[in-house]
């Protein structure tokens, strides 16, 4: 139950600020930089990628 709640909070943070959600989940790896780049190019691609990374983990 706690794992599902944590995932929900991670996804909520990723919707508000996608790079922060990825940073909190995986750290400062390549996924963070990809998400930051996608967020700068467009907010929606950053959200989609961030949610995908969080669910994948």
PDB file of N, CA and C in Angstrom:
ATOM      1  N   UNK A   1       0.821  -1.191   0.000  1.00  0.00           N
ATOM      2  CA  UNK A   1       0.000   0.000   0.000  1.00  0.00           C
ATOM      3  C   UNK A   1       0.870   1.263   0.000  1.00  0.00           C
ATOM      4  N   UNK A   2       1.923   1.250   0.787  1.00  0.00           N
ATOM      5  CA  UNK A   2       2.791   2.430   0.862  1.00  0.00           C
ATOM      6  C   UNK A   2       3.520   2.655  -0.460  1.00  0.00           C
ATOM      7  N   UNK A   3       3.839   1.563  -1.156  1.00  0.00           N
ATOM      8  CA  UNK A   3       4.532   1.689  -2.439  1.00  0.00           C
ATOM      9  C   UNK A   3       3.630   2.354  -3.474  1.00  0.00           C
ATOM     10  N   UNK A   4       2.345   2.008  -3.474  1.00  0.00           N
ATOM     11  CA  UNK A   4       1.408   2.626  -4.410  1.00  0.00           C
ATOM     12  C   UNK A   4       1.202   4.100  -4.096  1.00  0.00           C
ATOM     13  N   UNK A   5       1.195   4.450  -2.816  1.00  0.00           N
ATOM     14  CA  UNK A   5       1.046   5.850  -2.422  1.00  0.00           C
ATOM     15  C   UNK A   5       2.265   6.654  -2.843  1.00  0.00           C
ATOM     16  N   UNK A   6       3.438   6.076  -2.660  1.00  0.00           N
ATOM     17  CA  UNK A   6       4.663   6.765  -3.070  1.00  0.00           C
ATOM     18  C   UNK A   6       4.696   6.963  -4.578  1.00  0.00           C
ATOM     19  N   UNK A   7       4.255   5.975  -5.331  1.00  0.00           N
ATOM     20  CA  UNK A   7       4.213   6.103  -6.783  1.00  0.00           C
ATOM     21  C   UNK A   7       3.219   7.183  -7.191  1.00  0.00           C
ATOM     22  N   UNK A   8       2.085   7.264  -6.518  1.00  0.00           N
ATOM     23  CA  UNK A   8       1.092   8.293  -6.809  1.00  0.00           C
ATOM     24  C   UNK A   8       1.674   9.689  -6.553  1.00  0.00           C
ATOM     25  N   UNK A   9       2.376   9.853  -5.458  1.00  0.00           N
ATOM     26  CA  UNK A   9       2.990  11.149  -5.140  1.00  0.00           C
ATOM     27  C   UNK A   9       4.074  11.477  -6.170  1.00  0.00           C
ATOM     28  N   UNK A  10       4.862  10.494  -6.564  1.00  0.00           N
ATOM     29  CA  UNK A  10       5.885  10.717  -7.591  1.00  0.00           C
ATOM     30  C   UNK A  10       5.264  11.167  -8.908  1.00  0.00           C
ATOM     31  N   UNK A  11       4.168  10.536  -9.297  1.00  0.00           N
ATOM     32  CA  UNK A  11       3.495  10.912 -10.548  1.00  0.00           C
ATOM     33  C   UNK A  11       2.898  12.308 -10.431  1.00  0.00           C
ATOM     34  N   UNK A  12       2.344  12.634  -9.285  1.00  0.00           N
ATOM     35  CA  UNK A  12       1.796  13.974  -9.073  1.00  0.00           C
ATOM     36  C   UNK A  12       2.877  15.046  -9.185  1.00  0.00           C
ATOM     37  N   UNK A  13       4.039  14.790  -8.593  1.00  0.00           N
ATOM     38  CA  UNK A  13       5.164  15.728  -8.705  1.00  0.00           C
ATOM     39  C   UNK A  13       5.630  15.817 -10.154  1.00  0.00           C
ATOM     40  N   UNK A  14       5.626  14.690 -10.856  1.00  0.00           N
ATOM     41  CA  UNK A  14       6.056  14.677 -12.256  1.00  0.00           C
ATOM     42  C   UNK A  14       5.108  15.466 -13.150  1.00  0.00           C
ATOM     43  N   UNK A  15       3.836  15.498 -12.810  1.00  0.00           N
ATOM     44  CA  UNK A  15       2.887  16.280 -13.598  1.00  0.00           C
ATOM     45  C   UNK A  15       3.100  17.771 -13.354  1.00  0.00           C
ATOM     46  N   UNK A  16       3.388  18.145 -12.127  1.00  0.00           N
ATOM     47  CA  UNK A  16       3.597  19.556 -11.800  1.00  0.00           C
ATOM     48  C   UNK A  16       4.940  20.048 -12.332  1.00  0.00           C
ATOM     49  N   UNK A  17       5.997  19.285 -12.077  1.00  0.00           N
ATOM     50  CA  UNK A  17       7.342  19.657 -12.514  1.00  0.00           C
ATOM     51  C   UNK A  17       8.088  18.390 -12.937  1.00  0.00           C
ATOM     52  N   UNK A  18       8.021  18.038 -14.218  1.00  0.00           N
ATOM     53  CA  UNK A  18       8.538  16.745 -14.684  1.00  0.00           C
ATOM     54  C   UNK A  18      10.002  16.443 -14.324  1.00  0.00           C
ATOM     55  N   UNK A  19      10.955  17.359 -14.514  1.00  0.00           N
ATOM     56  CA  UNK A  19      12.333  16.999 -14.172  1.00  0.00           C
ATOM     57  C   UNK A  19      12.536  16.706 -12.680  1.00  0.00           C
ATOM     58  N   UNK A  20      11.788  17.394 -11.829  1.00  0.00           N
ATOM     59  CA  UNK A  20      11.916  17.138 -10.389  1.00  0.00           C
ATOM     60  C   UNK A  20      11.416  15.746 -10.044  1.00  0.00           C
ATOM     61  N   UNK A  21      10.330  15.326 -10.658  1.00  0.00           N
ATOM     62  CA  UNK A  21       9.819  13.983 -10.407  1.00  0.00           C
ATOM     63  C   UNK A  21      10.811  12.907 -10.799  1.00  0.00           C
ATOM     64  N   UNK A  22      11.463  13.094 -11.940  1.00  0.00           N
ATOM     65  CA  UNK A  22      12.468  12.118 -12.391  1.00  0.00           C
ATOM     66  C   UNK A  22      13.697  12.181 -11.498  1.00  0.00           C
ATOM     67  N   UNK A  23      14.099  13.372 -11.114  1.00  0.00           N
ATOM     68  CA  UNK A  23      15.268  13.525 -10.246  1.00  0.00           C
ATOM     69  C   UNK A  23      15.050  12.831  -8.903  1.00  0.00           C
ATOM     70  N   UNK A  24      13.868  12.964  -8.339  1.00  0.00           N
ATOM     71  CA  UNK A  24      13.583  12.317  -7.058  1.00  0.00           C
ATOM     72  C   UNK A  24      13.510  10.800  -7.187  1.00  0.00           C
ATOM     73  N   UNK A  25      13.110  10.315  -8.353  1.00  0.00           N
ATOM     74  CA  UNK A  25      12.957   8.869  -8.526  1.00  0.00           C
ATOM     75  C   UNK A  25      14.271   8.174  -8.897  1.00  0.00           C
ATOM     76  N   UNK A  26      15.030   8.720  -9.856  1.00  0.00           N
ATOM     77  CA  UNK A  26      16.218   8.009 -10.347  1.00  0.00           C
ATOM     78  C   UNK A  26      17.528   8.738 -10.076  1.00  0.00           C
ATOM     79  N   UNK A  27      17.467   9.953  -9.614  1.00  0.00           N
ATOM     80  CA  UNK A  27      18.695  10.706  -9.372  1.00  0.00           C
ATOM     81  C   UNK A  27      19.137  11.449 -10.616  1.00  0.00           C
ATOM     82  N   UNK A  28      20.365  11.906 -10.596  1.00  0.00           N
ATOM     83  CA  UNK A  28      20.878  12.742 -11.687  1.00  0.00           C
ATOM     84  C   UNK A  28      21.537  11.868 -12.756  1.00  0.00           C
ATOM     85  N   UNK A  29      20.741  11.007 -13.356  1.00  0.00           N
ATOM     86  CA  UNK A  29      21.214  10.132 -14.424  1.00  0.00           C
ATOM     87  C   UNK A  29      20.753  10.687 -15.757  1.00  0.00           C
ATOM     88  N   UNK A  30      20.958   9.935 -16.819  1.00  0.00           N
ATOM     89  CA  UNK A  30      20.609  10.385 -18.163  1.00  0.00           C
ATOM     90  C   UNK A  30      19.109  10.625 -18.302  1.00  0.00           C
ATOM     91  N   UNK A  31      18.292   9.874 -17.543  1.00  0.00           N
ATOM     92  CA  UNK A  31      16.847  10.066 -17.614  1.00  0.00           C
ATOM     93  C   UNK A  31      16.449  11.476 -17.200  1.00  0.00           C
ATOM     94  N   UNK A  32      17.127  12.027 -16.192  1.00  0.00           N
ATOM     95  CA  UNK A  32      16.842  13.390 -15.743  1.00  0.00           C
ATOM     96  C   UNK A  32      17.140  14.392 -16.850  1.00  0.00           C
ATOM     97  N   UNK A  33      18.273  14.243 -17.499  1.00  0.00           N
ATOM     98  CA  UNK A  33      18.663  15.193 -18.540  1.00  0.00           C
ATOM     99  C   UNK A  33      17.750  15.103 -19.759  1.00  0.00           C
ATOM    100  N   UNK A  34      17.320  13.887 -20.099  1.00  0.00           N
ATOM    101  CA  UNK A  34      16.371  13.733 -21.198  1.00  0.00           C
ATOM    102  C   UNK A  34      15.054  14.412 -20.844  1.00  0.00           C
ATOM    103  N   UNK A  35      14.600  14.214 -19.623  1.00  0.00           N
ATOM    104  CA  UNK A  35      13.344  14.827 -19.190  1.00  0.00           C
ATOM    105  C   UNK A  35      13.459  16.347 -19.164  1.00  0.00           C
ATOM    106  N   UNK A  36      14.583  16.861 -18.728  1.00  0.00           N
ATOM    107  CA  UNK A  36      14.786  18.309 -18.711  1.00  0.00           C
ATOM    108  C   UNK A  36      14.753  18.872 -20.127  1.00  0.00           C
ATOM    109  N   UNK A  37      15.421  18.203 -21.047  1.00  0.00           N
ATOM    110  CA  UNK A  37      15.424  18.646 -22.438  1.00  0.00           C
ATOM    111  C   UNK A  37      14.020  18.591 -23.038  1.00  0.00           C
ATOM    112  N   UNK A  38      13.295  17.504 -22.792  1.00  0.00           N
ATOM    113  CA  UNK A  38      11.937  17.395 -23.314  1.00  0.00           C
ATOM    114  C   UNK A  38      11.020  18.451 -22.698  1.00  0.00           C
ATOM    115  N   UNK A  39      11.222  18.756 -21.428  1.00  0.00           N
ATOM    116  CA  UNK A  39      10.400  19.775 -20.772  1.00  0.00           C
ATOM    117  C   UNK A  39      10.691  21.162 -21.324  1.00  0.00           C
ATOM    118  N   UNK A  40      11.933  21.408 -21.682  1.00  0.00           N
ATOM    119  CA  UNK A  40      12.264  22.704 -22.276  1.00  0.00           C
ATOM    120  C   UNK A  40      11.701  22.832 -23.686  1.00  0.00           C
ATOM    121  N   UNK A  41      11.658  21.716 -24.409  1.00  0.00           N
ATOM    122  CA  UNK A  41      11.116  21.741 -25.769  1.00  0.00           C
ATOM    123  C   UNK A  41       9.592  21.799 -25.771  1.00  0.00           C
ATOM    124  N   UNK A  42       8.991  21.244 -24.760  1.00  0.00           N
ATOM    125  CA  UNK A  42       7.537  21.241 -24.651  1.00  0.00           C
ATOM    126  C   UNK A  42       7.139  20.608 -23.336  1.00  0.00           C
ATOM    127  N   UNK A  43       6.175  21.194 -22.668  1.00  0.00           N
ATOM    128  CA  UNK A  43       5.797  20.731 -21.334  1.00  0.00           C
ATOM    129  C   UNK A  43       5.182  19.327 -21.382  1.00  0.00           C
ATOM    130  N   UNK A  44       4.326  19.068 -22.348  1.00  0.00           N
ATOM    131  CA  UNK A  44       3.643  17.775 -22.434  1.00  0.00           C
ATOM    132  C   UNK A  44       4.597  16.605 -22.698  1.00  0.00           C
ATOM    133  N   UNK A  45       5.563  16.722 -23.608  1.00  0.00           N
ATOM    134  CA  UNK A  45       6.507  15.603 -23.770  1.00  0.00           C
ATOM    135  C   UNK A  45       7.305  15.317 -22.492  1.00  0.00           C
ATOM    136  N   UNK A  46       7.621  16.344 -21.740  1.00  0.00           N
ATOM    137  CA  UNK A  46       8.326  16.154 -20.474  1.00  0.00           C
ATOM    138  C   UNK A  46       7.485  15.391 -19.473  1.00  0.00           C
ATOM    139  N   UNK A  47       6.190  15.706 -19.409  1.00  0.00           N
ATOM    140  CA  UNK A  47       5.292  15.002 -18.493  1.00  0.00           C
ATOM    141  C   UNK A  47       5.162  13.536 -18.893  1.00  0.00           C
ATOM    142  N   UNK A  48       4.958  13.293 -20.173  1.00  0.00           N
ATOM    143  CA  UNK A  48       4.790  11.913 -20.646  1.00  0.00           C
ATOM    144  C   UNK A  48       6.039  11.088 -20.341  1.00  0.00           C
ATOM    145  N   UNK A  49       7.201  11.639 -20.620  1.00  0.00           N
ATOM    146  CA  UNK A  49       8.443  10.911 -20.362  1.00  0.00           C
ATOM    147  C   UNK A  49       8.648  10.689 -18.863  1.00  0.00           C
ATOM    148  N   UNK A  50       8.355  11.697 -18.057  1.00  0.00           N
ATOM    149  CA  UNK A  50       8.541  11.570 -16.605  1.00  0.00           C
ATOM    150  C   UNK A  50       7.634  10.489 -16.030  1.00  0.00           C
ATOM    151  N   UNK A  51       6.385  10.466 -16.437  1.00  0.00           N
ATOM    152  CA  UNK A  51       5.468   9.437 -15.940  1.00  0.00           C
ATOM    153  C   UNK A  51       5.918   8.050 -16.407  1.00  0.00           C
ATOM    154  N   UNK A  52       6.407   7.964 -17.639  1.00  0.00           N
ATOM    155  CA  UNK A  52       6.893   6.677 -18.135  1.00  0.00           C
ATOM    156  C   UNK A  52       8.106   6.185 -17.318  1.00  0.00           C
ATOM    157  N   UNK A  53       9.025   7.086 -17.013  1.00  0.00           N
ATOM    158  CA  UNK A  53      10.199   6.700 -16.217  1.00  0.00           C
ATOM    159  C   UNK A  53       9.783   6.247 -14.821  1.00  0.00           C
ATOM    160  N   UNK A  54       8.848   6.953 -14.202  1.00  0.00           N
ATOM    161  CA  UNK A  54       8.412   6.614 -12.854  1.00  0.00           C
ATOM    162  C   UNK A  54       7.692   5.270 -12.833  1.00  0.00           C
ATOM    163  N   UNK A  55       6.836   5.036 -13.798  1.00  0.00           N
ATOM    164  CA  UNK A  55       6.117   3.759 -13.843  1.00  0.00           C
ATOM    165  C   UNK A  55       7.062   2.610 -14.171  1.00  0.00           C
ATOM    166  N   UNK A  56       8.067   2.867 -15.018  1.00  0.00           N
ATOM    167  CA  UNK A  56       9.027   1.835 -15.409  1.00  0.00           C
ATOM    168  C   UNK A  56       9.843   1.359 -14.208  1.00  0.00           C
ATOM    169  N   UNK A  57      10.170   2.261 -13.304  1.00  0.00           N
ATOM    170  CA  UNK A  57      11.015   1.903 -12.154  1.00  0.00           C
ATOM    171  C   UNK A  57      10.310   0.968 -11.241  1.00  0.00           C
TER     172      UNK A  57
END
